PDB file of N, CA and C in Angstrom:
ATOM      1  N   MET A   1      -2.325  53.536   9.361  1.00  0.00           N
ATOM      2  CA  MET A   1      -3.084  52.790  10.069  1.00  0.00           C
ATOM      3  C   MET A   1      -1.704  51.788  10.706  1.00  0.00           C
ATOM      4  N   SER A   2      -1.707  51.427  11.839  1.00  0.00           N
ATOM      5  CA  SER A   2      -0.689  50.556  12.731  1.00  0.00           C
ATOM      6  C   SER A   2      -0.440  49.094  12.186  1.00  0.00           C
ATOM      7  N   LEU A   3       0.460  48.616  11.924  1.00  0.00           N
ATOM      8  CA  LEU A   3       0.791  47.376  12.161  1.00  0.00           C
ATOM      9  C   LEU A   3      -0.692  46.276  13.008  1.00  0.00           C
ATOM     10  N   ARG A   4      -0.199  46.555  14.480  1.00  0.00           N
ATOM     11  CA  ARG A   4      -1.360  46.040  15.409  1.00  0.00           C
ATOM     12  C   ARG A   4      -2.733  46.223  14.785  1.00  0.00           C
ATOM     13  N   THR A   5      -3.053  47.458  14.226  1.00  0.00           N
ATOM     14  CA  THR A   5      -4.273  47.373  13.848  1.00  0.00           C
ATOM     15  C   THR A   5      -4.640  46.749  12.791  1.00  0.00           C
ATOM     16  N   ASP A   6      -3.919  46.701  11.813  1.00  0.00           N
ATOM     17  CA  ASP A   6      -3.954  46.040  10.484  1.00  0.00           C
ATOM     18  C   ASP A   6      -4.015  44.450  10.971  1.00  0.00           C
ATOM     19  N   MET A   7      -3.264  44.044  11.705  1.00  0.00           N
ATOM     20  CA  MET A   7      -3.263  42.498  12.045  1.00  0.00           C
ATOM     21  C   MET A   7      -4.354  42.022  12.688  1.00  0.00           C
ATOM     22  N   ALA A   8      -4.955  43.052  13.716  1.00  0.00           N
ATOM     23  CA  ALA A   8      -6.242  42.907  14.143  1.00  0.00           C
ATOM     24  C   ALA A   8      -7.371  42.737  12.929  1.00  0.00           C
ATOM     25  N   LEU A   9      -7.754  43.566  12.149  1.00  0.00           N
ATOM     26  CA  LEU A   9      -8.475  43.576  11.066  1.00  0.00           C
ATOM     27  C   LEU A   9      -8.195  42.163  10.478  1.00  0.00           C
ATOM     28  N   PHE A  10      -7.202  41.839   9.855  1.00  0.00           N
ATOM     29  CA  PHE A  10      -6.728  40.452   9.186  1.00  0.00           C
ATOM     30  C   PHE A  10      -7.334  39.473  10.003  1.00  0.00           C
ATOM     31  N   ARG A  11      -6.730  39.189  11.438  1.00  0.00           N
ATOM     32  CA  ARG A  11      -7.376  38.282  12.244  1.00  0.00           C
ATOM     33  C   ARG A  11      -9.017  38.028  12.384  1.00  0.00           C
ATOM     34  N   GLN A  12      -9.622  39.122  12.355  1.00  0.00           N
ATOM     35  CA  GLN A  12     -10.871  39.062  12.421  1.00  0.00           C
ATOM     36  C   GLN A  12     -11.516  38.795  10.808  1.00  0.00           C
ATOM     37  N   PHE A  13     -11.030  39.161   9.903  1.00  0.00           N
ATOM     38  CA  PHE A  13     -11.461  38.550   8.488  1.00  0.00           C
ATOM     39  C   PHE A  13     -11.042  37.187   8.587  1.00  0.00           C
ATOM     40  N   LEU A  14     -10.176  36.684   8.911  1.00  0.00           N
ATOM     41  CA  LEU A  14      -9.496  35.146   8.976  1.00  0.00           C
ATOM     42  C   LEU A  14     -10.619  34.458   9.541  1.00  0.00           C
ATOM     43  N   ARG A  15     -10.846  34.805  10.878  1.00  0.00           N
ATOM     44  CA  ARG A  15     -11.941  34.026  11.841  1.00  0.00           C
ATOM     45  C   ARG A  15     -13.147  33.887  11.172  1.00  0.00           C
ATOM     46  N   ASN A  16     -13.930  35.183  10.473  1.00  0.00           N
ATOM     47  CA  ASN A  16     -14.742  35.255   9.923  1.00  0.00           C
ATOM     48  C   ASN A  16     -15.143  34.197   8.826  1.00  0.00           C
ATOM     49  N   GLU A  17     -13.934  34.183   8.152  1.00  0.00           N
ATOM     50  CA  GLU A  17     -13.810  33.130   6.770  1.00  0.00           C
ATOM     51  C   GLU A  17     -13.759  31.762   7.319  1.00  0.00           C
ATOM     52  N   VAL A  18     -13.128  31.651   8.482  1.00  0.00           N
ATOM     53  CA  VAL A  18     -12.913  30.445   8.833  1.00  0.00           C
ATOM     54  C   VAL A  18     -14.202  29.580   9.067  1.00  0.00           C
ATOM     55  N   LEU A  19     -14.997  30.417  10.187  1.00  0.00           N
ATOM     56  CA  LEU A  19     -16.357  30.217  10.975  1.00  0.00           C
ATOM     57  C   LEU A  19     -17.254  30.166   9.656  1.00  0.00           C
ATOM     58  N   GLN A  20     -17.223  30.965   8.245  1.00  0.00           N
ATOM     59  CA  GLN A  20     -18.418  30.989   7.826  1.00  0.00           C
ATOM     60  C   GLN A  20     -18.553  30.255   6.543  1.00  0.00           C
ATOM     61  N   GLY A  21     -17.347  29.540   6.151  1.00  0.00           N
ATOM     62  CA  GLY A  21     -17.270  28.278   5.135  1.00  0.00           C
ATOM     63  C   GLY A  21     -17.674  28.598   3.925  1.00  0.00           C
ATOM     64  N   ALA A  22     -18.401  27.660   3.095  1.00  0.00           N
ATOM     65  CA  ALA A  22     -18.302  28.157   1.808  1.00  0.00           C
ATOM     66  C   ALA A  22     -19.356  29.106   1.387  1.00  0.00           C
ATOM     67  N   ARG A  23     -19.423  29.628   0.245  1.00  0.00           N
ATOM     68  CA  ARG A  23     -20.398  30.761   0.040  1.00  0.00           C
ATOM     69  C   ARG A  23     -21.117  30.416  -1.071  1.00  0.00           C
ATOM     70  N   GLY A  24     -22.464  30.441  -1.179  1.00  0.00           N
ATOM     71  CA  GLY A  24     -23.152  29.992  -2.458  1.00  0.00           C
ATOM     72  C   GLY A  24     -22.666  28.823  -3.102  1.00  0.00           C
ATOM     73  N   GLY A  25     -22.345  27.695  -2.487  1.00  0.00           N
ATOM     74  CA  GLY A  25     -21.855  26.500  -3.079  1.00  0.00           C
ATOM     75  C   GLY A  25     -20.561  26.589  -3.200  1.00  0.00           C
ATOM     76  N   TYR A  26     -19.726  27.620  -3.285  1.00  0.00           N
ATOM     77  CA  TYR A  26     -18.118  27.712  -3.721  1.00  0.00           C
ATOM     78  C   TYR A  26     -17.394  27.571  -2.577  1.00  0.00           C
ATOM     79  N   ALA A  27     -16.551  26.531  -2.520  1.00  0.00           N
ATOM     80  CA  ALA A  27     -15.647  26.615  -1.378  1.00  0.00           C
ATOM     81  C   ALA A  27     -14.358  27.141  -1.968  1.00  0.00           C
ATOM     82  N   ASP A  28     -13.600  27.873  -1.434  1.00  0.00           N
ATOM     83  CA  ASP A  28     -12.139  28.146  -1.697  1.00  0.00           C
ATOM     84  C   ASP A  28     -11.236  27.079  -1.185  1.00  0.00           C
ATOM     85  N   PRO A  29     -10.443  26.651  -2.281  1.00  0.00           N
ATOM     86  CA  PRO A  29      -9.702  25.194  -1.682  1.00  0.00           C
ATOM     87  C   PRO A  29      -8.926  25.848  -0.480  1.00  0.00           C
ATOM     88  N   VAL A  30      -8.111  26.977  -0.728  1.00  0.00           N
ATOM     89  CA  VAL A  30      -6.978  27.570   0.011  1.00  0.00           C
ATOM     90  C   VAL A  30      -7.857  27.615   1.610  1.00  0.00           C
ATOM     91  N   PHE A  31      -8.815  28.066   1.572  1.00  0.00           N
ATOM     92  CA  PHE A  31      -9.751  28.080   2.937  1.00  0.00           C
ATOM     93  C   PHE A  31     -10.144  27.093   3.351  1.00  0.00           C
ATOM     94  N   SER A  32     -10.338  26.138   2.388  1.00  0.00           N
ATOM     95  CA  SER A  32     -11.047  24.633   3.087  1.00  0.00           C
ATOM     96  C   SER A  32      -9.806  24.041   3.435  1.00  0.00           C
ATOM     97  N   ARG A  33      -8.516  23.935   2.968  1.00  0.00           N
ATOM     98  CA  ARG A  33      -7.343  23.217   3.366  1.00  0.00           C
ATOM     99  C   ARG A  33      -6.789  23.955   4.873  1.00  0.00           C
ATOM    100  N   TYR A  34      -6.708  25.129   4.964  1.00  0.00           N
ATOM    101  CA  TYR A  34      -6.522  26.073   6.203  1.00  0.00           C
ATOM    102  C   TYR A  34      -7.464  25.522   7.228  1.00  0.00           C
ATOM    103  N   ARG A  35      -8.875  25.243   6.803  1.00  0.00           N
ATOM    104  CA  ARG A  35     -10.017  25.147   8.074  1.00  0.00           C
ATOM    105  C   ARG A  35      -9.508  23.584   8.550  1.00  0.00           C
ATOM    106  N   ALA A  36      -9.201  22.949   7.484  1.00  0.00           N
ATOM    107  CA  ALA A  36      -8.772  21.253   7.928  1.00  0.00           C
ATOM    108  C   ALA A  36      -7.983  20.982   8.695  1.00  0.00           C
ATOM    109  N   LEU A  37      -6.749  22.073   7.969  1.00  0.00           N
ATOM    110  CA  LEU A  37      -5.533  21.816   9.413  1.00  0.00           C
ATOM    111  C   LEU A  37      -5.545  22.741  10.649  1.00  0.00           C
ATOM    112  N   ALA A  38      -6.288  23.443  10.233  1.00  0.00           N
ATOM    113  CA  ALA A  38      -6.550  24.259  11.805  1.00  0.00           C
ATOM    114  C   ALA A  38      -7.627  23.302  12.990  1.00  0.00           C
ATOM    115  N   ARG A  39      -8.471  22.380  12.068  1.00  0.00           N
ATOM    116  CA  ARG A  39      -9.189  21.479  13.085  1.00  0.00           C
ATOM    117  C   ARG A  39      -8.667  20.488  13.226  1.00  0.00           C
ATOM    118  N   ALA A  40      -7.222  19.927  12.708  1.00  0.00           N
ATOM    119  CA  ALA A  40      -6.633  18.909  12.727  1.00  0.00           C
ATOM    120  C   ALA A  40      -5.916  18.491  14.113  1.00  0.00           C
ATOM    121  N   GLY A  41      -5.950  19.707  14.693  1.00  0.00           N
ATOM    122  CA  GLY A  41      -5.018  19.699  16.054  1.00  0.00           C
ATOM    123  C   GLY A  41      -3.150  19.681  16.004  1.00  0.00           C
ATOM    124  N   ASP A  42      -2.913  18.333  16.215  1.00  0.00           N
ATOM    125  CA  ASP A  42      -1.240  18.229  16.331  1.00  0.00           C
ATOM    126  C   ASP A  42      -0.794  17.623  14.964  1.00  0.00           C
ATOM    127  N   LEU A  43      -0.110  18.623  14.614  1.00  0.00           N
ATOM    128  CA  LEU A  43       0.364  18.740  13.173  1.00  0.00           C
ATOM    129  C   LEU A  43       1.727  18.591  12.988  1.00  0.00           C
ATOM    130  N   ASP A  44       1.950  17.559  12.105  1.00  0.00           N
ATOM    131  CA  ASP A  44       3.545  17.170  12.048  1.00  0.00           C
ATOM    132  C   ASP A  44       4.003  18.439  11.355  1.00  0.00           C
ATOM    133  N   GLU A  45       5.611  18.106  10.713  1.00  0.00           N
ATOM    134  CA  GLU A  45       6.502  19.191  10.583  1.00  0.00           C
ATOM    135  C   GLU A  45       5.799  19.890   9.120  1.00  0.00           C
ATOM    136  N   ALA A  46       5.605  18.781   8.356  1.00  0.00           N
ATOM    137  CA  ALA A  46       5.236  19.277   7.038  1.00  0.00           C
ATOM    138  C   ALA A  46       3.735  20.018   6.812  1.00  0.00           C
ATOM    139  N   GLN A  47       3.039  19.289   7.582  1.00  0.00           N
ATOM    140  CA  GLN A  47       1.364  20.044   7.934  1.00  0.00           C
ATOM    141  C   GLN A  47       1.706  21.544   8.457  1.00  0.00           C
ATOM    142  N   ALA A  48       2.547  21.613   9.277  1.00  0.00           N
ATOM    143  CA  ALA A  48       2.666  23.019  10.184  1.00  0.00           C
ATOM    144  C   ALA A  48       3.306  23.861   8.928  1.00  0.00           C
ATOM    145  N   ARG A  49       4.358  23.613   8.373  1.00  0.00           N
ATOM    146  CA  ARG A  49       4.711  24.403   7.284  1.00  0.00           C
ATOM    147  C   ARG A  49       3.629  24.596   6.516  1.00  0.00           C
ATOM    148  N   GLU A  50       2.885  23.977   5.787  1.00  0.00           N
ATOM    149  CA  GLU A  50       1.993  24.113   4.906  1.00  0.00           C
ATOM    150  C   GLU A  50       1.097  24.950   5.585  1.00  0.00           C
ATOM    151  N   TYR A  51       0.474  24.782   6.824  1.00  0.00           N
ATOM    152  CA  TYR A  51      -0.366  25.644   7.358  1.00  0.00           C
ATOM    153  C   TYR A  51       0.204  27.287   7.439  1.00  0.00           C
ATOM    154  N   ALA A  52       1.524  27.511   7.570  1.00  0.00           N
ATOM    155  CA  ALA A  52       1.838  28.734   7.464  1.00  0.00           C
ATOM    156  C   ALA A  52       2.077  29.296   6.235  1.00  0.00           C
ATOM    157  N   GLU A  53       2.289  28.476   5.031  1.00  0.00           N
ATOM    158  CA  GLU A  53       2.183  29.053   4.072  1.00  0.00           C
ATOM    159  C   GLU A  53       0.796  29.389   3.684  1.00  0.00           C
ATOM    160  N   LEU A  54      -0.289  28.506   3.786  1.00  0.00           N
ATOM    161  CA  LEU A  54      -1.482  29.072   3.766  1.00  0.00           C
ATOM    162  C   LEU A  54      -2.045  30.173   4.355  1.00  0.00           C
ATOM    163  N   PHE A  55      -1.663  30.451   5.587  1.00  0.00           N
ATOM    164  CA  PHE A  55      -2.153  31.469   6.518  1.00  0.00           C
ATOM    165  C   PHE A  55      -1.329  32.830   5.757  1.00  0.00           C
ATOM    166  N   ASN A  56       0.055  32.578   5.281  1.00  0.00           N
ATOM    167  CA  ASN A  56       0.860  33.726   4.259  1.00  0.00           C
ATOM    168  C   ASN A  56      -0.033  34.169   2.864  1.00  0.00           C
ATOM    169  N   ARG A  57      -0.448  32.889   2.297  1.00  0.00           N
ATOM    170  CA  ARG A  57      -1.018  33.191   1.273  1.00  0.00           C
ATOM    171  C   ARG A  57      -2.359  34.116   1.398  1.00  0.00           C
ATOM    172  N   ILE A  58      -3.138  33.506   2.219  1.00  0.00           N
ATOM    173  CA  ILE A  58      -4.525  34.263   2.835  1.00  0.00           C
ATOM    174  C   ILE A  58      -4.140  35.691   3.207  1.00  0.00           C
ATOM    175  N   HIS A  59      -3.287  35.928   3.971  1.00  0.00           N
ATOM    176  CA  HIS A  59      -2.820  37.271   4.393  1.00  0.00           C
ATOM    177  C   HIS A  59      -2.415  38.210   3.416  1.00  0.00           C
ATOM    178  N   SER A  60      -1.858  37.654   1.944  1.00  0.00           N
ATOM    179  CA  SER A  60      -1.570  38.307   0.885  1.00  0.00           C
ATOM    180  C   SER A  60      -2.484  38.545   0.313  1.00  0.00           C
ATOM    181  N   ARG A  61      -3.530  37.749  -0.049  1.00  0.00           N
ATOM    182  CA  ARG A  61      -4.965  38.090  -0.668  1.00  0.00           C
ATOM    183  C   ARG A  61      -5.585  39.379  -0.138  1.00  0.00           C
ATOM    184  N   TRP A  62      -5.515  39.103   1.350  1.00  0.00           N
ATOM    185  CA  TRP A  62      -6.300  40.097   2.128  1.00  0.00           C
ATOM    186  C   TRP A  62      -5.012  41.740   1.973  1.00  0.00           C
ATOM    187  N   ARG A  63      -4.296  41.478   1.747  1.00  0.00           N
ATOM    188  CA  ARG A  63      -3.433  42.904   1.534  1.00  0.00           C
ATOM    189  C   ARG A  63      -4.033  43.423   0.432  1.00  0.00           C
ATOM    190  N   TRP A  64      -4.063  42.535  -0.699  1.00  0.00           N
ATOM    191  CA  TRP A  64      -4.194  42.959  -1.990  1.00  0.00           C
ATOM    192  C   TRP A  64      -5.814  43.639  -1.940  1.00  0.00           C
ATOM    193  N   ARG A  65      -6.781  42.971  -1.552  1.00  0.00           N
ATOM    194  CA  ARG A  65      -8.079  43.334  -1.587  1.00  0.00           C
ATOM    195  C   ARG A  65      -8.344  44.819  -0.488  1.00  0.00           C
ATOM    196  N   GLN A  66      -7.337  44.920   0.422  1.00  0.00           N
ATOM    197  CA  GLN A  66      -7.466  46.091   1.100  1.00  0.00           C
ATOM    198  C   GLN A  66      -6.795  47.043   0.177  1.00  0.00           C
ATOM    199  N   ALA A  67      -5.823  46.938  -0.219  1.00  0.00           N
ATOM    200  CA  ALA A  67      -5.097  48.002  -1.160  1.00  0.00           C
ATOM    201  C   ALA A  67      -6.322  48.278  -2.539  1.00  0.00           C
ATOM    202  N   THR A  68      -6.818  47.314  -2.994  1.00  0.00           N
ATOM    203  CA  THR A  68      -7.507  47.813  -4.024  1.00  0.00           C
ATOM    204  C   THR A  68      -8.671  48.450  -3.495  1.00  0.00           C
ATOM    205  N   ALA A  69      -9.249  48.280  -2.324  1.00  0.00           N
ATOM    206  CA  ALA A  69     -10.493  49.007  -1.970  1.00  0.00           C
ATOM    207  C   ALA A  69      -9.892  50.138  -1.865  1.00  0.00           C
ATOM    208  N   GLN A  70      -8.521  50.629  -1.206  1.00  0.00           N
ATOM    209  CA  GLN A  70      -8.248  52.240  -0.906  1.00  0.00           C
ATOM    210  C   GLN A  70      -8.233  52.673  -2.205  1.00  0.00           C
ATOM    211  N   VAL A  71      -7.687  51.962  -3.311  1.00  0.00           N
ATOM    212  CA  VAL A  71      -7.295  52.856  -4.455  1.00  0.00           C
ATOM    213  C   VAL A  71      -8.681  52.936  -5.039  1.00  0.00           C
ATOM    214  N   LEU A  72      -9.758  52.006  -4.890  1.00  0.00           N
ATOM    215  CA  LEU A  72     -10.984  52.497  -5.679  1.00  0.00           C
ATOM    216  C   LEU A  72     -11.770  53.769  -4.811  1.00  0.00           C
ATOM    217  N   ALA A  73     -11.665  53.634  -3.585  1.00  0.00           N
ATOM    218  CA  ALA A  73     -11.920  54.530  -2.646  1.00  0.00           C
ATOM    219  C   ALA A  73     -11.699  56.133  -2.904  1.00  0.00           C
ATOM    220  N   ARG A  74     -10.157  56.205  -3.458  1.00  0.00           N
ATOM    221  CA  ARG A  74      -9.470  57.320  -3.874  1.00  0.00           C
ATOM    222  C   ARG A  74     -10.263  57.812  -5.039  1.00  0.00           C
ATOM    223  N   ARG A  75     -10.105  56.824  -6.096  1.00  0.00           N
ATOM    224  CA  ARG A  75     -10.784  57.336  -7.189  1.00  0.00           C
ATOM    225  C   ARG A  75     -12.016  57.967  -7.218  1.00  0.00           C
ATOM    226  N   GLN A  76     -12.893  57.305  -6.129  1.00  0.00           N
ATOM    227  CA  GLN A  76     -14.356  57.956  -6.242  1.00  0.00           C
ATOM    228  C   GLN A  76     -14.516  59.326  -5.302  1.00  0.00           C
ATOM    229  N   ALA A  77     -13.474  59.452  -4.657  1.00  0.00           N
ATOM    230  CA  ALA A  77     -13.399  60.762  -3.937  1.00  0.00           C
ATOM    231  C   ALA A  77     -12.535  61.802  -4.610  1.00  0.00           C
ATOM    232  N   VAL A  78     -12.077  61.731  -5.640  1.00  0.00           N
ATOM    233  CA  VAL A  78     -11.597  62.483  -6.899  1.00  0.00           C
ATOM    234  C   VAL A  78     -12.725  63.145  -7.600  1.00  0.00           C
ATOM    235  N   PRO A  79     -12.999  64.529  -7.846  1.00  0.00           N
ATOM    236  CA  PRO A  79     -14.122  64.926  -8.793  1.00  0.00           C
ATOM    237  C   PRO A  79     -13.755  65.038 -10.124  1.00  0.00           C
TER     238      PRO A  79
END
Protein backbone atom coordinates (compact mmCIF):
# COMPACT_ATOMS: atom_id res chain seq x y z
CA MET A 1 0.00 0.00 0.00
CA SER A 2 1.39 3.38 -0.94
CA LEU A 3 1.93 6.18 1.54
CA ARG A 4 -0.71 8.28 -0.23
CA THR A 5 -3.29 5.49 0.03
CA ASP A 6 -2.34 4.89 3.66
CA MET A 7 -2.83 8.56 4.57
CA ALA A 8 -6.11 8.72 2.66
CA LEU A 9 -7.42 5.76 4.66
CA PHE A 10 -6.20 7.34 7.89
CA ARG A 11 -7.84 10.68 7.07
CA GLN A 12 -11.11 8.87 6.35
CA PHE A 13 -10.83 7.04 9.69
CA LEU A 14 -10.04 10.29 11.50
CA ARG A 15 -12.95 12.13 9.90
CA ASN A 16 -15.34 9.32 10.84
CA GLU A 17 -14.08 9.24 14.43
CA VAL A 18 -14.28 13.01 14.86
CA LEU A 19 -17.78 13.19 13.41
CA GLN A 20 -19.06 10.12 15.26
CA GLY A 21 -18.26 11.19 18.80
CA ALA A 22 -18.76 8.92 21.80
CA ARG A 23 -19.68 5.27 21.31
CA GLY A 24 -21.83 3.47 23.82
CA GLY A 25 -21.42 6.20 26.41
CA TYR A 26 -17.60 6.04 26.23
CA ALA A 27 -15.73 9.08 24.96
CA ASP A 28 -12.05 8.52 24.23
CA PRO A 29 -10.25 11.43 25.95
CA VAL A 30 -7.71 11.73 23.10
CA PHE A 31 -10.45 12.09 20.49
CA SER A 32 -12.46 14.37 22.75
CA ARG A 33 -9.54 16.76 23.17
CA TYR A 34 -8.63 16.55 19.46
CA ARG A 35 -12.24 17.32 18.56
CA ALA A 36 -12.32 20.30 20.95
CA LEU A 37 -9.10 21.74 19.54
CA ALA A 38 -10.28 21.19 15.95
CA ARG A 39 -13.44 23.17 16.68
CA ALA A 40 -11.62 25.93 18.58
CA GLY A 41 -10.38 27.58 15.42
CA ASP A 42 -7.51 29.98 16.12
CA LEU A 43 -5.00 28.06 18.28
CA ASP A 44 -2.09 29.55 20.18
CA GLU A 45 1.35 27.92 19.96
CA ALA A 46 0.83 25.52 22.89
CA GLN A 47 -2.58 24.42 21.59
CA ALA A 48 -1.20 23.94 18.07
CA ARG A 49 1.59 21.76 19.47
CA GLU A 50 -0.93 19.73 21.51
CA TYR A 51 -3.12 19.36 18.41
CA ALA A 52 -0.16 18.03 16.41
CA GLU A 53 0.80 15.64 19.22
CA LEU A 54 -2.75 14.32 19.42
CA PHE A 55 -2.82 13.84 15.64
CA ASN A 56 0.41 11.83 15.83
CA ARG A 57 -0.90 9.78 18.75
CA ILE A 58 -4.12 8.96 16.90
CA HIS A 59 -2.15 8.08 13.76
CA SER A 60 0.13 5.78 15.77
CA ARG A 61 -2.90 4.01 17.29
CA TRP A 62 -4.38 3.58 13.83
CA ARG A 63 -1.12 2.10 12.43
CA TRP A 64 -1.01 -0.40 15.30
CA ARG A 65 -4.63 -1.33 14.66
CA GLN A 66 -3.96 -1.83 10.93
CA ALA A 67 -0.86 -3.93 11.63
CA THR A 68 -2.76 -6.10 14.10
CA ALA A 69 -5.56 -6.63 11.60
CA GLN A 70 -3.04 -7.67 8.94
CA VAL A 71 -1.35 -10.17 11.26
CA LEU A 72 -4.68 -11.68 12.27
CA ALA A 73 -5.75 -11.94 8.62
CA ARG A 74 -2.48 -13.73 7.77
CA ARG A 75 -2.93 -16.15 10.66
CA GLN A 76 -6.45 -17.00 9.57
CA ALA A 77 -5.33 -17.51 5.96
CA VAL A 78 -2.71 -20.12 6.91
CA PRO A 79 -4.25 -23.62 6.84
